[in-house]
Each structure stands twice: as C-alpha cells, then as structure tokens.
Amino acid sequence: MSDNLGFALDGAWQVLLASLVFGAGLPVVYAFGIRAFAWGAGGDAEVSHARANPVGYVVGALCVLVVLAGVVLGITIIAAAGFGKAVSFEHGYPTIVAKE
C-alpha cells in the first residue's frame, strides 16, 4: 500500500513541476519581457520617466524568444503525438523520433 502512495506522490510532483514551468512560468517570463521592453523604451513607458536603456530591448527580446520556443516545442510535442511519433531530447535538442 505504501508503495502505491509513493508512486502517486512521485507522479504528483512531476505534474506540479510541469504545470509551474509551462502553466505559470511562461506567462511570468512573458510579463518580465514586456516589463523589460518598457525599461528599454524609457520615458512615458516608465513610471519614473527614466531614460531609455538599450539593454531592456535585448532582455525583452530574449524573454519573448524563450516563450516562443516553449510554445513551438509544445505544439511540436502535440503534433508528433498525433502522427504516432515522439519528441526525444537524447542529443540535447528536440528531435522527432518513432515511438518505441
């Protein structure tokens, strides 16, 4: 009986981690990117009316690229599963492979 509870808890923390990363993590990164764009624009985009900072544009663009990569990866995983394939990270980058 205690083994079943251990298996359930093991799966539960994995689901929790995935939901935090994809469910809350990507919107947080996107929000941080939008905030960085405001920092990059300066002036009326900032409450303090600070000067423009070009680093803000770079940080904002990186954040938006991370979010876009997450969305593309998610769509790739869903599409691969629909075609009877799987996505493997064996080589460090995602590759579509046949299901085994």
PDB file of N, CA and C in Angstrom:
ATOM      1  N   MET A   1       0.828  -1.193   0.000  1.00  0.00           N
ATOM      2  CA  MET A   1       0.000   0.000   0.000  1.00  0.00           C
ATOM      3  C   MET A   1       0.873   1.257   0.000  1.00  0.00           C
ATOM      4  N   SER A   2       1.925   1.270   0.792  1.00  0.00           N
ATOM      5  CA  SER A   2       2.760   2.470   0.867  1.00  0.00           C
ATOM      6  C   SER A   2       3.537   2.672  -0.429  1.00  0.00           C
ATOM      7  N   ASP A   3       3.798   1.578  -1.186  1.00  0.00           N
ATOM      8  CA  ASP A   3       4.458   1.735  -2.475  1.00  0.00           C
ATOM      9  C   ASP A   3       3.566   2.493  -3.453  1.00  0.00           C
ATOM     10  N   ASN A   4       2.285   2.212  -3.429  1.00  0.00           N
ATOM     11  CA  ASN A   4       1.352   2.913  -4.311  1.00  0.00           C
ATOM     12  C   ASN A   4       1.294   4.397  -3.980  1.00  0.00           C
ATOM     13  N   LEU A   5       1.325   4.722  -2.700  1.00  0.00           N
ATOM     14  CA  LEU A   5       1.330   6.123  -2.298  1.00  0.00           C
ATOM     15  C   LEU A   5       2.608   6.809  -2.770  1.00  0.00           C
ATOM     16  N   GLY A   6       3.720   6.106  -2.662  1.00  0.00           N
ATOM     17  CA  GLY A   6       4.997   6.662  -3.129  1.00  0.00           C
ATOM     18  C   GLY A   6       4.983   6.924  -4.624  1.00  0.00           C
ATOM     19  N   PHE A   7       4.414   5.978  -5.394  1.00  0.00           N
ATOM     20  CA  PHE A   7       4.315   6.176  -6.841  1.00  0.00           C
ATOM     21  C   PHE A   7       3.400   7.357  -7.171  1.00  0.00           C
ATOM     22  N   ALA A   8       2.315   7.481  -6.457  1.00  0.00           N
ATOM     23  CA  ALA A   8       1.373   8.583  -6.694  1.00  0.00           C
ATOM     24  C   ALA A   8       2.022   9.930  -6.381  1.00  0.00           C
ATOM     25  N   LEU A   9       2.742  10.001  -5.275  1.00  0.00           N
ATOM     26  CA  LEU A   9       3.410  11.255  -4.913  1.00  0.00           C
ATOM     27  C   LEU A   9       4.538  11.590  -5.883  1.00  0.00           C
ATOM     28  N   ASP A  10       5.222  10.550  -6.368  1.00  0.00           N
ATOM     29  CA  ASP A  10       6.290  10.774  -7.343  1.00  0.00           C
ATOM     30  C   ASP A  10       5.716  11.383  -8.621  1.00  0.00           C
ATOM     31  N   GLY A  11       4.606  10.847  -9.084  1.00  0.00           N
ATOM     32  CA  GLY A  11       3.963  11.404 -10.276  1.00  0.00           C
ATOM     33  C   GLY A  11       3.378  12.775 -10.018  1.00  0.00           C
ATOM     34  N   ALA A  12       2.886  12.993  -8.810  1.00  0.00           N
ATOM     35  CA  ALA A  12       2.255  14.282  -8.492  1.00  0.00           C
ATOM     36  C   ALA A  12       3.257  15.424  -8.524  1.00  0.00           C
ATOM     37  N   TRP A  13       4.457  15.217  -8.007  1.00  0.00           N
ATOM     38  CA  TRP A  13       5.428  16.319  -8.020  1.00  0.00           C
ATOM     39  C   TRP A  13       5.888  16.606  -9.447  1.00  0.00           C
ATOM     40  N   GLN A  14       5.927  15.592 -10.321  1.00  0.00           N
ATOM     41  CA  GLN A  14       6.307  15.827 -11.710  1.00  0.00           C
ATOM     42  C   GLN A  14       5.238  16.645 -12.433  1.00  0.00           C
ATOM     43  N   VAL A  15       3.994  16.337 -12.157  1.00  0.00           N
ATOM     44  CA  VAL A  15       2.895  17.116 -12.752  1.00  0.00           C
ATOM     45  C   VAL A  15       2.920  18.549 -12.219  1.00  0.00           C
ATOM     46  N   LEU A  16       3.165  18.708 -10.929  1.00  0.00           N
ATOM     47  CA  LEU A  16       3.241  20.042 -10.330  1.00  0.00           C
ATOM     48  C   LEU A  16       4.368  20.860 -10.948  1.00  0.00           C
ATOM     49  N   LEU A  17       5.522  20.241 -11.116  1.00  0.00           N
ATOM     50  CA  LEU A  17       6.659  20.942 -11.703  1.00  0.00           C
ATOM     51  C   LEU A  17       6.359  21.357 -13.139  1.00  0.00           C
ATOM     52  N   ALA A  18       5.807  20.454 -13.932  1.00  0.00           N
ATOM     53  CA  ALA A  18       5.475  20.778 -15.323  1.00  0.00           C
ATOM     54  C   ALA A  18       4.426  21.886 -15.398  1.00  0.00           C
ATOM     55  N   SER A  19       3.433  21.840 -14.508  1.00  0.00           N
ATOM     56  CA  SER A  19       2.398  22.873 -14.540  1.00  0.00           C
ATOM     57  C   SER A  19       2.951  24.231 -14.124  1.00  0.00           C
ATOM     58  N   LEU A  20       3.897  24.254 -13.197  1.00  0.00           N
ATOM     59  CA  LEU A  20       4.506  25.520 -12.807  1.00  0.00           C
ATOM     60  C   LEU A  20       5.365  26.090 -13.924  1.00  0.00           C
ATOM     61  N   VAL A  21       6.119  25.232 -14.586  1.00  0.00           N
ATOM     62  CA  VAL A  21       7.003  25.708 -15.654  1.00  0.00           C
ATOM     63  C   VAL A  21       6.190  26.186 -16.851  1.00  0.00           C
ATOM     64  N   PHE A  22       5.256  25.353 -17.322  1.00  0.00           N
ATOM     65  CA  PHE A  22       4.524  25.697 -18.533  1.00  0.00           C
ATOM     66  C   PHE A  22       3.256  26.489 -18.253  1.00  0.00           C
ATOM     67  N   GLY A  23       2.620  26.257 -17.137  1.00  0.00           N
ATOM     68  CA  GLY A  23       1.373  26.942 -16.840  1.00  0.00           C
ATOM     69  C   GLY A  23       1.578  28.328 -16.270  1.00  0.00           C
ATOM     70  N   ALA A  24       2.557  28.490 -15.404  1.00  0.00           N
ATOM     71  CA  ALA A  24       2.802  29.793 -14.785  1.00  0.00           C
ATOM     72  C   ALA A  24       4.142  30.383 -15.202  1.00  0.00           C
ATOM     73  N   GLY A  25       5.092  29.535 -15.528  1.00  0.00           N
ATOM     74  CA  GLY A  25       6.443  30.002 -15.842  1.00  0.00           C
ATOM     75  C   GLY A  25       6.520  30.820 -17.113  1.00  0.00           C
ATOM     76  N   LEU A  26       5.912  30.328 -18.186  1.00  0.00           N
ATOM     77  CA  LEU A  26       5.978  31.063 -19.447  1.00  0.00           C
ATOM     78  C   LEU A  26       5.254  32.413 -19.378  1.00  0.00           C
ATOM     79  N   PRO A  27       4.075  32.512 -18.759  1.00  0.00           N
ATOM     80  CA  PRO A  27       3.472  33.849 -18.624  1.00  0.00           C
ATOM     81  C   PRO A  27       4.320  34.810 -17.780  1.00  0.00           C
ATOM     82  N   VAL A  28       5.009  34.284 -16.769  1.00  0.00           N
ATOM     83  CA  VAL A  28       5.877  35.143 -15.956  1.00  0.00           C
ATOM     84  C   VAL A  28       7.044  35.652 -16.789  1.00  0.00           C
ATOM     85  N   VAL A  29       7.640  34.776 -17.593  1.00  0.00           N
ATOM     86  CA  VAL A  29       8.749  35.191 -18.459  1.00  0.00           C
ATOM     87  C   VAL A  29       8.254  36.215 -19.478  1.00  0.00           C
ATOM     88  N   TYR A  30       7.058  36.009 -20.027  1.00  0.00           N
ATOM     89  CA  TYR A  30       6.490  36.970 -20.976  1.00  0.00           C
ATOM     90  C   TYR A  30       6.264  38.326 -20.306  1.00  0.00           C
ATOM     91  N   ALA A  31       5.704  38.314 -19.112  1.00  0.00           N
ATOM     92  CA  ALA A  31       5.466  39.574 -18.385  1.00  0.00           C
ATOM     93  C   ALA A  31       6.778  40.290 -18.097  1.00  0.00           C
ATOM     94  N   PHE A  32       7.796  39.526 -17.718  1.00  0.00           N
ATOM     95  CA  PHE A  32       9.111  40.127 -17.469  1.00  0.00           C
ATOM     96  C   PHE A  32       9.666  40.730 -18.759  1.00  0.00           C
ATOM     97  N   GLY A  33       9.430  40.068 -19.889  1.00  0.00           N
ATOM     98  CA  GLY A  33       9.892  40.603 -21.168  1.00  0.00           C
ATOM     99  C   GLY A  33       9.198  41.902 -21.535  1.00  0.00           C
ATOM    100  N   ILE A  34       7.887  41.976 -21.298  1.00  0.00           N
ATOM    101  CA  ILE A  34       7.155  43.217 -21.575  1.00  0.00           C
ATOM    102  C   ILE A  34       7.659  44.343 -20.676  1.00  0.00           C
ATOM    103  N   ARG A  35       7.923  43.999 -19.422  1.00  0.00           N
ATOM    104  CA  ARG A  35       8.470  44.998 -18.483  1.00  0.00           C
ATOM    105  C   ARG A  35       9.849  45.463 -18.944  1.00  0.00           C
ATOM    106  N   ALA A  36      10.643  44.542 -19.474  1.00  0.00           N
ATOM    107  CA  ALA A  36      11.975  44.898 -19.971  1.00  0.00           C
ATOM    108  C   ALA A  36      11.868  45.809 -21.196  1.00  0.00           C
ATOM    109  N   PHE A  37      10.868  45.562 -22.054  1.00  0.00           N
ATOM    110  CA  PHE A  37      10.667  46.461 -23.193  1.00  0.00           C
ATOM    111  C   PHE A  37      10.325  47.879 -22.725  1.00  0.00           C
ATOM    112  N   ALA A  38       9.536  48.004 -21.675  1.00  0.00           N
ATOM    113  CA  ALA A  38       9.217  49.323 -21.129  1.00  0.00           C
ATOM    114  C   ALA A  38      10.469  49.984 -20.571  1.00  0.00           C
ATOM    115  N   TRP A  39      11.317  49.181 -19.923  1.00  0.00           N
ATOM    116  CA  TRP A  39      12.590  49.707 -19.414  1.00  0.00           C
ATOM    117  C   TRP A  39      13.455  50.168 -20.581  1.00  0.00           C
ATOM    118  N   GLY A  40      13.413  49.429 -21.671  1.00  0.00           N
ATOM    119  CA  GLY A  40      14.192  49.801 -22.850  1.00  0.00           C
ATOM    120  C   GLY A  40      13.677  51.062 -23.510  1.00  0.00           C
ATOM    121  N   ALA A  41      12.372  51.268 -23.487  1.00  0.00           N
ATOM    122  CA  ALA A  41      11.794  52.454 -24.115  1.00  0.00           C
ATOM    123  C   ALA A  41      11.999  53.696 -23.255  1.00  0.00           C
ATOM    124  N   GLY A  42      11.903  53.537 -21.938  1.00  0.00           N
ATOM    125  CA  GLY A  42      12.063  54.673 -21.036  1.00  0.00           C
ATOM    126  C   GLY A  42      10.945  55.681 -21.203  1.00  0.00           C
ATOM    127  N   GLY A  43      11.158  56.889 -20.735  1.00  0.00           N
ATOM    128  CA  GLY A  43      10.198  57.979 -20.903  1.00  0.00           C
ATOM    129  C   GLY A  43       8.835  57.680 -20.328  1.00  0.00           C
ATOM    130  N   ASP A  44       7.784  57.854 -21.135  1.00  0.00           N
ATOM    131  CA  ASP A  44       6.407  57.661 -20.674  1.00  0.00           C
ATOM    132  C   ASP A  44       6.065  56.195 -20.428  1.00  0.00           C
ATOM    133  N   ALA A  45       6.882  55.277 -20.928  1.00  0.00           N
ATOM    134  CA  ALA A  45       6.642  53.853 -20.674  1.00  0.00           C
ATOM    135  C   ALA A  45       7.016  53.483 -19.234  1.00  0.00           C
ATOM    136  N   GLU A  46       7.786  54.303 -18.591  1.00  0.00           N
ATOM    137  CA  GLU A  46       8.231  54.066 -17.214  1.00  0.00           C
ATOM    138  C   GLU A  46       7.501  55.010 -16.262  1.00  0.00           C
ATOM    139  N   VAL A  47       7.209  54.531 -15.068  1.00  0.00           N
ATOM    140  CA  VAL A  47       6.571  55.379 -14.057  1.00  0.00           C
ATOM    141  C   VAL A  47       7.511  56.504 -13.650  1.00  0.00           C
ATOM    142  N   SER A  48       8.801  56.197 -13.573  1.00  0.00           N
ATOM    143  CA  SER A  48       9.783  57.199 -13.147  1.00  0.00           C
ATOM    144  C   SER A  48      10.248  58.091 -14.298  1.00  0.00           C
ATOM    145  N   HIS A  49       9.752  57.851 -15.507  1.00  0.00           N
ATOM    146  CA  HIS A  49      10.160  58.602 -16.697  1.00  0.00           C
ATOM    147  C   HIS A  49      11.670  58.575 -16.884  1.00  0.00           C
ATOM    148  N   ALA A  50      12.256  57.397 -16.640  1.00  0.00           N
ATOM    149  CA  ALA A  50      13.703  57.235 -16.768  1.00  0.00           C
ATOM    150  C   ALA A  50      14.104  57.273 -18.241  1.00  0.00           C
ATOM    151  N   ARG A  51      15.414  57.397 -18.440  1.00  0.00           N
ATOM    152  CA  ARG A  51      15.942  57.402 -19.808  1.00  0.00           C
ATOM    153  C   ARG A  51      15.829  56.014 -20.421  1.00  0.00           C
ATOM    154  N   ALA A  52      15.837  55.977 -21.733  1.00  0.00           N
ATOM    155  CA  ALA A  52      15.787  54.698 -22.448  1.00  0.00           C
ATOM    156  C   ALA A  52      17.065  53.905 -22.181  1.00  0.00           C
ATOM    157  N   ASN A  53      16.933  52.604 -22.100  1.00  0.00           N
ATOM    158  CA  ASN A  53      18.070  51.731 -21.859  1.00  0.00           C
ATOM    159  C   ASN A  53      18.040  50.605 -22.892  1.00  0.00           C
ATOM    160  N   PRO A  54      19.026  50.544 -23.802  1.00  0.00           N
ATOM    161  CA  PRO A  54      19.000  49.537 -24.856  1.00  0.00           C
ATOM    162  C   PRO A  54      19.078  48.101 -24.343  1.00  0.00           C
ATOM    163  N   VAL A  55      19.581  47.907 -23.145  1.00  0.00           N
ATOM    164  CA  VAL A  55      19.655  46.559 -22.570  1.00  0.00           C
ATOM    165  C   VAL A  55      18.245  46.005 -22.371  1.00  0.00           C
ATOM    166  N   GLY A  56      17.284  46.879 -22.109  1.00  0.00           N
ATOM    167  CA  GLY A  56      15.905  46.447 -21.926  1.00  0.00           C
ATOM    168  C   GLY A  56      15.340  45.774 -23.161  1.00  0.00           C
ATOM    169  N   TYR A  57      15.691  46.301 -24.336  1.00  0.00           N
ATOM    170  CA  TYR A  57      15.220  45.679 -25.569  1.00  0.00           C
ATOM    171  C   TYR A  57      15.808  44.290 -25.740  1.00  0.00           C
ATOM    172  N   VAL A  58      17.087  44.133 -25.411  1.00  0.00           N
ATOM    173  CA  VAL A  58      17.747  42.831 -25.548  1.00  0.00           C
ATOM    174  C   VAL A  58      17.131  41.820 -24.578  1.00  0.00           C
ATOM    175  N   VAL A  59      16.946  42.217 -23.329  1.00  0.00           N
ATOM    176  CA  VAL A  59      16.354  41.318 -22.331  1.00  0.00           C
ATOM    177  C   VAL A  59      14.916  40.977 -22.723  1.00  0.00           C
ATOM    178  N   GLY A  60      14.164  41.962 -23.168  1.00  0.00           N
ATOM    179  CA  GLY A  60      12.786  41.717 -23.597  1.00  0.00           C
ATOM    180  C   GLY A  60      12.709  40.763 -24.775  1.00  0.00           C
ATOM    181  N   ALA A  61      13.585  40.958 -25.746  1.00  0.00           N
ATOM    182  CA  ALA A  61      13.593  40.073 -26.913  1.00  0.00           C
ATOM    183  C   ALA A  61      13.960  38.649 -26.518  1.00  0.00           C
ATOM    184  N   LEU A  62      14.918  38.492 -25.615  1.00  0.00           N
ATOM    185  CA  LEU A  62      15.293  37.148 -25.150  1.00  0.00           C
ATOM    186  C   LEU A  62      14.135  36.475 -24.428  1.00  0.00           C
ATOM    187  N   CYS A  63      13.427  37.228 -23.607  1.00  0.00           N
ATOM    188  CA  CYS A  63      12.277  36.652 -22.894  1.00  0.00           C
ATOM    189  C   CYS A  63      11.186  36.212 -23.849  1.00  0.00           C
ATOM    190  N   VAL A  64      10.893  37.036 -24.848  1.00  0.00           N
ATOM    191  CA  VAL A  64       9.860  36.684 -25.816  1.00  0.00           C
ATOM    192  C   VAL A  64      10.312  35.478 -26.643  1.00  0.00           C
ATOM    193  N   LEU A  65      11.591  35.384 -26.977  1.00  0.00           N
ATOM    194  CA  LEU A  65      12.095  34.228 -27.717  1.00  0.00           C
ATOM    195  C   LEU A  65      11.977  32.942 -26.899  1.00  0.00           C
ATOM    196  N   VAL A  66      12.219  33.024 -25.595  1.00  0.00           N
ATOM    197  CA  VAL A  66      12.064  31.845 -24.731  1.00  0.00           C
ATOM    198  C   VAL A  66      10.606  31.393 -24.725  1.00  0.00           C
ATOM    199  N   VAL A  67       9.685  32.336 -24.641  1.00  0.00           N
ATOM    200  CA  VAL A  67       8.259  31.996 -24.645  1.00  0.00           C
ATOM    201  C   VAL A  67       7.861  31.385 -25.992  1.00  0.00           C
ATOM    202  N   LEU A  68       8.318  31.977 -27.078  1.00  0.00           N
ATOM    203  CA  LEU A  68       8.005  31.432 -28.397  1.00  0.00           C
ATOM    204  C   LEU A  68       8.583  30.025 -28.568  1.00  0.00           C
ATOM    205  N   ALA A  69       9.791  29.800 -28.071  1.00  0.00           N
ATOM    206  CA  ALA A  69      10.399  28.467 -28.144  1.00  0.00           C
ATOM    207  C   ALA A  69       9.573  27.461 -27.353  1.00  0.00           C
ATOM    208  N   GLY A  70       9.071  27.860 -26.195  1.00  0.00           N
ATOM    209  CA  GLY A  70       8.224  26.975 -25.398  1.00  0.00           C
ATOM    210  C   GLY A  70       6.930  26.631 -26.107  1.00  0.00           C
ATOM    211  N   VAL A  71       6.336  27.617 -26.763  1.00  0.00           N
ATOM    212  CA  VAL A  71       5.089  27.386 -27.497  1.00  0.00           C
ATOM    213  C   VAL A  71       5.341  26.460 -28.687  1.00  0.00           C
ATOM    214  N   VAL A  72       6.411  26.707 -29.435  1.00  0.00           N
ATOM    215  CA  VAL A  72       6.735  25.864 -30.588  1.00  0.00           C
ATOM    216  C   VAL A  72       7.034  24.440 -30.144  1.00  0.00           C
ATOM    217  N   LEU A  73       7.758  24.290 -29.038  1.00  0.00           N
ATOM    218  CA  LEU A  73       8.066  22.957 -28.523  1.00  0.00           C
ATOM    219  C   LEU A  73       6.790  22.231 -28.108  1.00  0.00           C
ATOM    220  N   GLY A  74       5.890  22.930 -27.455  1.00  0.00           N
ATOM    221  CA  GLY A  74       4.624  22.321 -27.051  1.00  0.00           C
ATOM    222  C   GLY A  74       3.799  21.879 -28.241  1.00  0.00           C
ATOM    223  N   ILE A  75       3.712  22.721 -29.264  1.00  0.00           N
ATOM    224  CA  ILE A  75       2.971  22.357 -30.471  1.00  0.00           C
ATOM    225  C   ILE A  75       3.643  21.179 -31.167  1.00  0.00           C
ATOM    226  N   THR A  76       4.976  21.161 -31.179  1.00  0.00           N
ATOM    227  CA  THR A  76       5.706  20.048 -31.793  1.00  0.00           C
ATOM    228  C   THR A  76       5.417  18.738 -31.079  1.00  0.00           C
ATOM    229  N   ILE A  77       5.397  18.757 -29.765  1.00  0.00           N
ATOM    230  CA  ILE A  77       5.112  17.541 -28.997  1.00  0.00           C
ATOM    231  C   ILE A  77       3.695  17.049 -29.277  1.00  0.00           C
ATOM    232  N   ILE A  78       2.734  17.964 -29.311  1.00  0.00           N
ATOM    233  CA  ILE A  78       1.346  17.581 -29.576  1.00  0.00           C
ATOM    234  C   ILE A  78       1.195  17.049 -31.000  1.00  0.00           C
ATOM    235  N   ALA A  79       1.801  17.723 -31.978  1.00  0.00           N
ATOM    236  CA  ALA A  79       1.701  17.275 -33.370  1.00  0.00           C
ATOM    237  C   ALA A  79       2.396  15.933 -33.565  1.00  0.00           C
ATOM    238  N   ALA A  80       3.554  15.749 -32.940  1.00  0.00           N
ATOM    239  CA  ALA A  80       4.274  14.478 -33.072  1.00  0.00           C
ATOM    240  C   ALA A  80       3.445  13.337 -32.499  1.00  0.00           C
ATOM    241  N   ALA A  81       2.805  13.562 -31.383  1.00  0.00           N
ATOM    242  CA  ALA A  81       1.962  12.522 -30.782  1.00  0.00           C
ATOM    243  C   ALA A  81       0.778  12.195 -31.695  1.00  0.00           C
ATOM    244  N   GLY A  82       0.256  13.173 -32.375  1.00  0.00           N
ATOM    245  CA  GLY A  82      -0.847  12.947 -33.295  1.00  0.00           C
ATOM    246  C   GLY A  82      -0.453  12.100 -34.488  1.00  0.00           C
ATOM    247  N   PHE A  83       0.811  12.154 -34.888  1.00  0.00           N
ATOM    248  CA  PHE A  83       1.305  11.352 -36.002  1.00  0.00           C
ATOM    249  C   PHE A  83       1.939  10.043 -35.547  1.00  0.00           C
ATOM    250  N   GLY A  84       1.787   9.716 -34.259  1.00  0.00           N
ATOM    251  CA  GLY A  84       2.343   8.473 -33.742  1.00  0.00           C
ATOM    252  C   GLY A  84       3.840   8.527 -33.505  1.00  0.00           C
ATOM    253  N   LYS A  85       4.390   9.705 -33.367  1.00  0.00           N
ATOM    254  CA  LYS A  85       5.819   9.896 -33.126  1.00  0.00           C
ATOM    255  C   LYS A  85       6.003  10.414 -31.696  1.00  0.00           C
ATOM    256  N   ALA A  86       7.257  10.622 -31.330  1.00  0.00           N
ATOM    257  CA  ALA A  86       7.584  11.184 -30.018  1.00  0.00           C
ATOM    258  C   ALA A  86       8.710  12.193 -30.201  1.00  0.00           C
ATOM    259  N   VAL A  87       8.871  13.068 -29.244  1.00  0.00           N
ATOM    260  CA  VAL A  87       9.959  14.038 -29.259  1.00  0.00           C
ATOM    261  C   VAL A  87      11.005  13.563 -28.261  1.00  0.00           C
ATOM    262  N   SER A  88      12.245  13.453 -28.742  1.00  0.00           N
ATOM    263  CA  SER A  88      13.346  12.973 -27.913  1.00  0.00           C
ATOM    264  C   SER A  88      14.353  14.106 -27.695  1.00  0.00           C
ATOM    265  N   PHE A  89      14.892  14.171 -26.493  1.00  0.00           N
ATOM    266  CA  PHE A  89      15.931  15.152 -26.166  1.00  0.00           C
ATOM    267  C   PHE A  89      17.268  14.443 -25.962  1.00  0.00           C
ATOM    268  N   GLU A  90      17.429  13.301 -26.618  1.00  0.00           N
ATOM    269  CA  GLU A  90      18.613  12.461 -26.434  1.00  0.00           C
ATOM    270  C   GLU A  90      19.900  13.188 -26.789  1.00  0.00           C
ATOM    271  N   HIS A  91      19.883  14.033 -27.810  1.00  0.00           N
ATOM    272  CA  HIS A  91      21.086  14.730 -28.256  1.00  0.00           C
ATOM    273  C   HIS A  91      21.193  16.136 -27.683  1.00  0.00           C
ATOM    274  N   GLY A  92      20.297  16.496 -26.768  1.00  0.00           N
ATOM    275  CA  GLY A  92      20.324  17.814 -26.165  1.00  0.00           C
ATOM    276  C   GLY A  92      19.371  18.798 -26.824  1.00  0.00           C
ATOM    277  N   TYR A  93      18.881  18.481 -27.993  1.00  0.00           N
ATOM    278  CA  TYR A  93      17.898  19.318 -28.677  1.00  0.00           C
ATOM    279  C   TYR A  93      16.741  18.418 -29.091  1.00  0.00           C
ATOM    280  N   PRO A  94      15.565  18.970 -29.267  1.00  0.00           N
ATOM    281  CA  PRO A  94      14.406  18.121 -29.578  1.00  0.00           C
ATOM    282  C   PRO A  94      14.483  17.532 -30.986  1.00  0.00           C
ATOM    283  N   THR A  95      14.215  16.243 -31.046  1.00  0.00           N
ATOM    284  CA  THR A  95      14.198  15.511 -32.304  1.00  0.00           C
ATOM    285  C   THR A  95      12.941  14.664 -32.355  1.00  0.00           C
ATOM    286  N   ILE A  96      12.262  14.626 -33.479  1.00  0.00           N
ATOM    287  CA  ILE A  96      11.079  13.793 -33.629  1.00  0.00           C
ATOM    288  C   ILE A  96      11.540  12.396 -34.035  1.00  0.00           C
ATOM    289  N   VAL A  97      11.145  11.408 -33.229  1.00  0.00           N
ATOM    290  CA  VAL A  97      11.549  10.018 -33.469  1.00  0.00           C
ATOM    291  C   VAL A  97      10.303   9.142 -33.454  1.00  0.00           C
ATOM    292  N   ALA A  98      10.470   7.896 -33.968  1.00  0.00           N
ATOM    293  CA  ALA A  98       9.378   6.936 -33.937  1.00  0.00           C
ATOM    294  C   ALA A  98       9.173   6.466 -32.503  1.00  0.00           C
ATOM    295  N   LYS A  99       7.897   6.243 -32.124  1.00  0.00           N
ATOM    296  CA  LYS A  99       7.606   5.713 -30.789  1.00  0.00           C
ATOM    297  C   LYS A  99       8.092   4.286 -30.712  1.00  0.00           C
ATOM    298  N   GLU A 100       8.595   3.903 -29.570  1.00  0.00           N
ATOM    299  CA  GLU A 100       9.068   2.535 -29.387  1.00  0.00           C
ATOM    300  C   GLU A 100       8.138   1.734 -28.542  1.00  0.00           C
TER     301      GLU A 100
END
